[in-house]
PDB file of N, CA and C in Angstrom:
ATOM      1  N   MET A   1      91.149 114.892  89.039  1.00  0.00           N
ATOM      2  CA  MET A   1      92.613 114.430  88.729  1.00  0.00           C
ATOM      3  C   MET A   1      92.900 115.236  87.754  1.00  0.00           C
ATOM      4  N   GLU A   2      94.226 115.690  87.768  1.00  0.00           N
ATOM      5  CA  GLU A   2      94.660 116.450  86.696  1.00  0.00           C
ATOM      6  C   GLU A   2      95.417 115.625  85.600  1.00  0.00           C
ATOM      7  N   GLN A   3      95.380 116.164  84.362  1.00  0.00           N
ATOM      8  CA  GLN A   3      95.875 115.563  83.326  1.00  0.00           C
ATOM      9  C   GLN A   3      97.154 116.027  82.627  1.00  0.00           C
ATOM     10  N   GLN A   4      97.915 115.555  82.570  1.00  0.00           N
ATOM     11  CA  GLN A   4      99.295 116.178  81.934  1.00  0.00           C
ATOM     12  C   GLN A   4      99.867 115.149  80.727  1.00  0.00           C
ATOM     13  N   GLY A   5      99.782 115.659  79.626  1.00  0.00           N
ATOM     14  CA  GLY A   5     100.071 114.931  78.433  1.00  0.00           C
ATOM     15  C   GLY A   5      99.527 113.732  78.008  1.00  0.00           C
ATOM     16  N   GLY A   6      98.337 113.698  78.407  1.00  0.00           N
ATOM     17  CA  GLY A   6      97.557 112.555  78.472  1.00  0.00           C
ATOM     18  C   GLY A   6      97.622 111.296  79.402  1.00  0.00           C
ATOM     19  N   ILE A   7      98.270 111.714  80.456  1.00  0.00           N
ATOM     20  CA  ILE A   7      98.473 110.832  81.610  1.00  0.00           C
ATOM     21  C   ILE A   7      97.710 111.283  82.813  1.00  0.00           C
ATOM     22  N   ILE A   8      97.067 110.622  83.609  1.00  0.00           N
ATOM     23  CA  ILE A   8      96.558 110.879  84.826  1.00  0.00           C
ATOM     24  C   ILE A   8      97.591 111.185  85.835  1.00  0.00           C
ATOM     25  N   SER A   9      98.184 112.184  86.259  1.00  0.00           N
ATOM     26  CA  SER A   9      99.153 112.349  87.211  1.00  0.00           C
ATOM     27  C   SER A   9      99.080 111.794  88.589  1.00  0.00           C
ATOM     28  N   ASP A  10      97.839 111.818  88.984  1.00  0.00           N
ATOM     29  CA  ASP A  10      97.599 111.371  90.334  1.00  0.00           C
ATOM     30  C   ASP A  10      97.343 109.769  90.661  1.00  0.00           C
ATOM     31  N   ASP A  11      97.438 109.132  89.510  1.00  0.00           N
ATOM     32  CA  ASP A  11      97.181 107.659  89.949  1.00  0.00           C
ATOM     33  C   ASP A  11      98.274 106.754  89.452  1.00  0.00           C
ATOM     34  N   LEU A  12      99.483 107.130  89.263  1.00  0.00           N
ATOM     35  CA  LEU A  12     100.552 106.361  88.924  1.00  0.00           C
ATOM     36  C   LEU A  12     101.196 105.822  90.175  1.00  0.00           C
ATOM     37  N   ILE A  13     101.441 104.438  89.874  1.00  0.00           N
ATOM     38  CA  ILE A  13     101.929 103.607  91.122  1.00  0.00           C
ATOM     39  C   ILE A  13     103.249 102.955  90.536  1.00  0.00           C
ATOM     40  N   ASP A  14     104.104 102.364  91.345  1.00  0.00           N
ATOM     41  CA  ASP A  14     105.179 101.764  91.058  1.00  0.00           C
ATOM     42  C   ASP A  14     104.970 100.243  90.760  1.00  0.00           C
ATOM     43  N   GLU A  15     106.074  99.563  90.199  1.00  0.00           N
ATOM     44  CA  GLU A  15     105.961  98.282  89.769  1.00  0.00           C
ATOM     45  C   GLU A  15     105.395  97.154  90.879  1.00  0.00           C
ATOM     46  N   ASN A  16     106.039  97.433  91.859  1.00  0.00           N
ATOM     47  CA  ASN A  16     105.452  96.594  93.164  1.00  0.00           C
ATOM     48  C   ASN A  16     104.132  96.839  93.525  1.00  0.00           C
ATOM     49  N   GLN A  17     103.581  98.142  93.580  1.00  0.00           N
ATOM     50  CA  GLN A  17     102.250  98.157  93.748  1.00  0.00           C
ATOM     51  C   GLN A  17     101.310  97.888  92.917  1.00  0.00           C
ATOM     52  N   ALA A  18     101.828  97.830  91.488  1.00  0.00           N
ATOM     53  CA  ALA A  18     100.955  97.312  90.397  1.00  0.00           C
ATOM     54  C   ALA A  18     100.970  95.681  90.366  1.00  0.00           C
ATOM     55  N   ALA A  19     101.958  95.150  90.691  1.00  0.00           N
ATOM     56  CA  ALA A  19     101.953  93.720  90.898  1.00  0.00           C
ATOM     57  C   ALA A  19     101.111  93.482  92.073  1.00  0.00           C
ATOM     58  N   GLU A  20     101.159  94.006  93.105  1.00  0.00           N
ATOM     59  CA  GLU A  20     100.280  93.474  94.469  1.00  0.00           C
ATOM     60  C   GLU A  20      98.913  93.831  93.750  1.00  0.00           C
ATOM     61  N   MET A  21      98.402  94.812  93.239  1.00  0.00           N
ATOM     62  CA  MET A  21      97.004  95.109  92.683  1.00  0.00           C
ATOM     63  C   MET A  21      96.642  94.070  91.907  1.00  0.00           C
ATOM     64  N   LEU A  22      97.469  93.591  90.953  1.00  0.00           N
ATOM     65  CA  LEU A  22      97.023  92.462  90.013  1.00  0.00           C
ATOM     66  C   LEU A  22      97.341  91.078  90.616  1.00  0.00           C
ATOM     67  N   GLY A  23      97.826  90.906  91.789  1.00  0.00           N
ATOM     68  CA  GLY A  23      98.132  89.454  92.357  1.00  0.00           C
ATOM     69  C   GLY A  23      99.147  88.741  91.501  1.00  0.00           C
ATOM     70  N   ILE A  24     100.064  89.486  91.022  1.00  0.00           N
ATOM     71  CA  ILE A  24     101.216  88.782  90.360  1.00  0.00           C
ATOM     72  C   ILE A  24     102.432  89.251  90.625  1.00  0.00           C
ATOM     73  N   SER A  25     103.528  88.635  90.213  1.00  0.00           N
ATOM     74  CA  SER A  25     104.926  89.038  90.484  1.00  0.00           C
ATOM     75  C   SER A  25     105.234  90.262  89.904  1.00  0.00           C
ATOM     76  N   PRO A  26     106.101  91.205  90.364  1.00  0.00           N
ATOM     77  CA  PRO A  26     106.872  92.147  89.679  1.00  0.00           C
ATOM     78  C   PRO A  26     107.765  91.583  88.701  1.00  0.00           C
ATOM     79  N   GLN A  27     108.155  90.449  88.679  1.00  0.00           N
ATOM     80  CA  GLN A  27     109.035  89.832  87.656  1.00  0.00           C
ATOM     81  C   GLN A  27     108.169  89.396  86.365  1.00  0.00           C
ATOM     82  N   TRP A  28     106.896  89.144  86.574  1.00  0.00           N
ATOM     83  CA  TRP A  28     105.756  88.942  85.514  1.00  0.00           C
ATOM     84  C   TRP A  28     105.676  90.255  84.697  1.00  0.00           C
ATOM     85  N   LEU A  29     105.413  91.334  85.330  1.00  0.00           N
ATOM     86  CA  LEU A  29     105.415  92.569  84.881  1.00  0.00           C
ATOM     87  C   LEU A  29     106.650  93.057  84.155  1.00  0.00           C
ATOM     88  N   ARG A  30     107.749  92.761  84.450  1.00  0.00           N
ATOM     89  CA  ARG A  30     109.091  92.865  83.841  1.00  0.00           C
ATOM     90  C   ARG A  30     109.102  92.218  82.446  1.00  0.00           C
ATOM     91  N   CYS A  31     108.651  90.985  82.607  1.00  0.00           N
ATOM     92  CA  CYS A  31     108.931  90.228  81.458  1.00  0.00           C
ATOM     93  C   CYS A  31     107.673  90.723  80.314  1.00  0.00           C
ATOM     94  N   SER A  32     106.755  90.996  80.761  1.00  0.00           N
ATOM     95  CA  SER A  32     105.555  91.618  79.840  1.00  0.00           C
ATOM     96  C   SER A  32     105.897  92.646  79.167  1.00  0.00           C
ATOM     97  N   ARG A  33     107.008  93.557  79.651  1.00  0.00           N
ATOM     98  CA  ARG A  33     107.428  94.735  78.989  1.00  0.00           C
ATOM     99  C   ARG A  33     108.340  94.379  77.966  1.00  0.00           C
ATOM    100  N   MET A  34     108.849  93.070  77.863  1.00  0.00           N
ATOM    101  CA  MET A  34     109.952  92.967  76.814  1.00  0.00           C
ATOM    102  C   MET A  34     109.106  92.651  75.296  1.00  0.00           C
ATOM    103  N   GLN A  35     108.008  92.864  75.169  1.00  0.00           N
ATOM    104  CA  GLN A  35     107.265  92.816  73.939  1.00  0.00           C
ATOM    105  C   GLN A  35     107.079  91.541  73.393  1.00  0.00           C
ATOM    106  N   ASN A  36     106.947  90.571  74.351  1.00  0.00           N
ATOM    107  CA  ASN A  36     106.756  89.172  74.028  1.00  0.00           C
ATOM    108  C   ASN A  36     105.131  89.194  73.829  1.00  0.00           C
ATOM    109  N   PRO A  37     104.555  88.696  72.717  1.00  0.00           N
ATOM    110  CA  PRO A  37     103.085  89.036  72.592  1.00  0.00           C
ATOM    111  C   PRO A  37     102.425  87.934  73.541  1.00  0.00           C
ATOM    112  N   SER A  38     103.011  86.856  74.017  1.00  0.00           N
ATOM    113  CA  SER A  38     102.072  85.821  74.757  1.00  0.00           C
ATOM    114  C   SER A  38     102.226  86.473  76.211  1.00  0.00           C
ATOM    115  N   TRP A  39     102.855  87.403  76.527  1.00  0.00           N
ATOM    116  CA  TRP A  39     102.797  87.981  77.773  1.00  0.00           C
ATOM    117  C   TRP A  39     102.757  89.435  77.676  1.00  0.00           C
ATOM    118  N   ALA A  40     101.430  89.628  76.955  1.00  0.00           N
ATOM    119  CA  ALA A  40     100.888  91.315  76.873  1.00  0.00           C
ATOM    120  C   ALA A  40     100.496  91.515  78.244  1.00  0.00           C
ATOM    121  N   GLY A  41     101.267  92.576  78.784  1.00  0.00           N
ATOM    122  CA  GLY A  41     100.867  92.823  80.267  1.00  0.00           C
ATOM    123  C   GLY A  41     100.088  94.328  80.066  1.00  0.00           C
ATOM    124  N   PRO A  42      99.918  95.063  81.048  1.00  0.00           N
ATOM    125  CA  PRO A  42      99.246  96.111  81.028  1.00  0.00           C
ATOM    126  C   PRO A  42     100.277  97.395  80.457  1.00  0.00           C
ATOM    127  N   ARG A  43      99.538  98.582  80.057  1.00  0.00           N
ATOM    128  CA  ARG A  43     100.179  99.635  79.623  1.00  0.00           C
ATOM    129  C   ARG A  43     101.043 100.340  80.609  1.00  0.00           C
ATOM    130  N   TYR A  44     102.074 100.918  80.584  1.00  0.00           N
ATOM    131  CA  TYR A  44     103.027 101.580  81.667  1.00  0.00           C
ATOM    132  C   TYR A  44     103.535 102.893  80.799  1.00  0.00           C
ATOM    133  N   VAL A  45     104.044 103.617  81.891  1.00  0.00           N
ATOM    134  CA  VAL A  45     104.581 104.813  81.455  1.00  0.00           C
ATOM    135  C   VAL A  45     106.155 104.466  81.961  1.00  0.00           C
ATOM    136  N   LYS A  46     107.058 104.869  80.879  1.00  0.00           N
ATOM    137  CA  LYS A  46     108.541 104.773  80.895  1.00  0.00           C
ATOM    138  C   LYS A  46     109.030 106.157  81.519  1.00  0.00           C
ATOM    139  N   VAL A  47     109.174 106.273  82.908  1.00  0.00           N
ATOM    140  CA  VAL A  47     109.670 107.596  83.694  1.00  0.00           C
ATOM    141  C   VAL A  47     111.218 107.700  83.350  1.00  0.00           C
ATOM    142  N   SER A  48     111.881 106.766  83.357  1.00  0.00           N
ATOM    143  CA  SER A  48     113.375 107.007  82.887  1.00  0.00           C
ATOM    144  C   SER A  48     113.658 105.550  82.227  1.00  0.00           C
ATOM    145  N   LYS A  49     115.141 105.602  81.984  1.00  0.00           N
ATOM    146  CA  LYS A  49     115.726 104.222  81.462  1.00  0.00           C
ATOM    147  C   LYS A  49     115.424 103.224  82.408  1.00  0.00           C
ATOM    148  N   ARG A  50     115.445 103.271  83.720  1.00  0.00           N
ATOM    149  CA  ARG A  50     115.243 102.027  84.613  1.00  0.00           C
ATOM    150  C   ARG A  50     113.858 102.139  85.370  1.00  0.00           C
ATOM    151  N   HIS A  51     113.092 103.103  85.164  1.00  0.00           N
ATOM    152  CA  HIS A  51     111.986 103.300  86.154  1.00  0.00           C
ATOM    153  C   HIS A  51     110.446 103.456  85.107  1.00  0.00           C
ATOM    154  N   VAL A  52     109.722 102.559  85.733  1.00  0.00           N
ATOM    155  CA  VAL A  52     108.231 102.519  85.156  1.00  0.00           C
ATOM    156  C   VAL A  52     107.258 102.831  86.302  1.00  0.00           C
ATOM    157  N   LYS A  53     106.168 103.428  85.673  1.00  0.00           N
ATOM    158  CA  LYS A  53     104.959 103.721  86.581  1.00  0.00           C
ATOM    159  C   LYS A  53     103.955 102.967  85.761  1.00  0.00           C
ATOM    160  N   TYR A  54     102.754 102.522  86.708  1.00  0.00           N
ATOM    161  CA  TYR A  54     101.406 102.067  86.042  1.00  0.00           C
ATOM    162  C   TYR A  54     100.298 102.882  86.549  1.00  0.00           C
ATOM    163  N   SER A  55      99.590 103.261  85.406  1.00  0.00           N
ATOM    164  CA  SER A  55      98.414 103.976  85.814  1.00  0.00           C
ATOM    165  C   SER A  55      97.252 103.078  86.410  1.00  0.00           C
ATOM    166  N   VAL A  56      96.483 103.367  87.649  1.00  0.00           N
ATOM    167  CA  VAL A  56      95.558 102.441  88.098  1.00  0.00           C
ATOM    168  C   VAL A  56      94.301 102.368  87.205  1.00  0.00           C
ATOM    169  N   ARG A  57      94.041 103.449  86.396  1.00  0.00           N
ATOM    170  CA  ARG A  57      93.207 103.069  85.260  1.00  0.00           C
ATOM    171  C   ARG A  57      93.416 102.156  84.410  1.00  0.00           C
ATOM    172  N   HIS A  58      94.796 102.170  83.910  1.00  0.00           N
ATOM    173  CA  HIS A  58      95.099 101.146  82.795  1.00  0.00           C
ATOM    174  C   HIS A  58      95.218  99.862  83.484  1.00  0.00           C
ATOM    175  N   LEU A  59      95.386  99.663  84.676  1.00  0.00           N
ATOM    176  CA  LEU A  59      95.658  98.362  85.307  1.00  0.00           C
ATOM    177  C   LEU A  59      94.163  97.885  85.417  1.00  0.00           C
ATOM    178  N   ASN A  60      93.103  98.681  85.696  1.00  0.00           N
ATOM    179  CA  ASN A  60      91.732  98.311  85.843  1.00  0.00           C
ATOM    180  C   ASN A  60      91.163  97.909  84.638  1.00  0.00           C
ATOM    181  N   GLU A  61      91.456  98.637  83.345  1.00  0.00           N
ATOM    182  CA  GLU A  61      91.292  98.448  82.239  1.00  0.00           C
ATOM    183  C   GLU A  61      91.816  96.884  81.581  1.00  0.00           C
ATOM    184  N   PHE A  62      93.166  96.859  81.952  1.00  0.00           N
ATOM    185  CA  PHE A  62      93.762  95.248  81.704  1.00  0.00           C
ATOM    186  C   PHE A  62      93.094  94.359  82.467  1.00  0.00           C
ATOM    187  N   LEU A  63      92.720  94.429  83.792  1.00  0.00           N
ATOM    188  CA  LEU A  63      92.012  93.240  84.395  1.00  0.00           C
ATOM    189  C   LEU A  63      90.505  93.380  83.661  1.00  0.00           C
ATOM    190  N   ALA A  64      89.921  94.281  83.451  1.00  0.00           N
ATOM    191  CA  ALA A  64      88.380  94.101  82.891  1.00  0.00           C
ATOM    192  C   ALA A  64      88.565  93.607  81.736  1.00  0.00           C
ATOM    193  N   ALA A  65      89.464  93.718  80.727  1.00  0.00           N
ATOM    194  CA  ALA A  65      89.502  93.065  79.494  1.00  0.00           C
ATOM    195  C   ALA A  65      89.653  91.676  79.585  1.00  0.00           C
ATOM    196  N   ARG A  66      90.204  91.174  80.666  1.00  0.00           N
ATOM    197  CA  ARG A  66      90.398  89.685  81.073  1.00  0.00           C
ATOM    198  C   ARG A  66      89.225  89.019  81.657  1.00  0.00           C
ATOM    199  N   VAL A  67      88.279  89.680  81.932  1.00  0.00           N
ATOM    200  CA  VAL A  67      87.183  88.868  82.576  1.00  0.00           C
ATOM    201  C   VAL A  67      86.543  87.795  81.676  1.00  0.00           C
ATOM    202  N   ILE A  68      86.268  86.619  82.239  1.00  0.00           N
ATOM    203  CA  ILE A  68      85.554  85.734  81.287  1.00  0.00           C
ATOM    204  C   ILE A  68      84.343  85.235  82.063  1.00  0.00           C
ATOM    205  N   ASP A  69      83.418  85.286  81.232  1.00  0.00           N
ATOM    206  CA  ASP A  69      82.091  84.561  81.806  1.00  0.00           C
ATOM    207  C   ASP A  69      81.885  83.297  81.503  1.00  0.00           C
ATOM    208  N   PRO A  70      81.715  82.437  82.590  1.00  0.00           N
ATOM    209  CA  PRO A  70      81.440  81.095  82.542  1.00  0.00           C
ATOM    210  C   PRO A  70      80.436  80.741  81.266  1.00  0.00           C
ATOM    211  N   ALA A  71      79.421  81.465  81.426  1.00  0.00           N
ATOM    212  CA  ALA A  71      78.250  80.963  80.572  1.00  0.00           C
ATOM    213  C   ALA A  71      78.626  81.453  79.048  1.00  0.00           C
ATOM    214  N   ASP A  72      79.550  82.414  78.910  1.00  0.00           N
ATOM    215  CA  ASP A  72      80.086  82.587  77.340  1.00  0.00           C
ATOM    216  C   ASP A  72      81.013  81.254  76.981  1.00  0.00           C
ATOM    217  N   ARG A  73      81.598  80.746  77.877  1.00  0.00           N
ATOM    218  CA  ARG A  73      82.526  79.653  77.549  1.00  0.00           C
ATOM    219  C   ARG A  73      81.797  78.279  77.302  1.00  0.00           C
ATOM    220  N   MET A  74      80.615  78.361  78.012  1.00  0.00           N
ATOM    221  CA  MET A  74      79.952  77.052  77.804  1.00  0.00           C
ATOM    222  C   MET A  74      78.985  77.157  76.439  1.00  0.00           C
ATOM    223  N   ALA A  75      78.815  78.474  76.262  1.00  0.00           N
ATOM    224  CA  ALA A  75      78.160  78.531  74.654  1.00  0.00           C
ATOM    225  C   ALA A  75      79.048  78.263  73.454  1.00  0.00           C
ATOM    226  N   GLU A  76      80.460  78.532  73.947  1.00  0.00           N
ATOM    227  CA  GLU A  76      81.337  78.027  72.658  1.00  0.00           C
ATOM    228  C   GLU A  76      81.475  76.604  72.782  1.00  0.00           C
ATOM    229  N   VAL A  77      81.424  75.894  73.632  1.00  0.00           N
ATOM    230  CA  VAL A  77      81.590  74.384  73.715  1.00  0.00           C
ATOM    231  C   VAL A  77      80.539  73.952  73.085  1.00  0.00           C
ATOM    232  N   SER A  78      79.269  74.252  73.172  1.00  0.00           N
ATOM    233  CA  SER A  78      77.961  73.709  72.727  1.00  0.00           C
ATOM    234  C   SER A  78      77.894  73.873  71.189  1.00  0.00           C
TER     235      SER A  78
END
């Protein structure tokens, strides 16, 4: 992978592809970019005023940060 300015250039995908990868709607991603803390979405690259891209690596990190282990949740209840 070639790195340009801290961004991995060959793993950028568009909003629709990112939404499909995450199993959510493109609308959710748009809302998450409005800086509403309760809708904290994945990191993105603002390519232009109207276009954004998502790094596959950042999407995977976003998913990994949201993994919930049921055993951990049961320990919190006890």
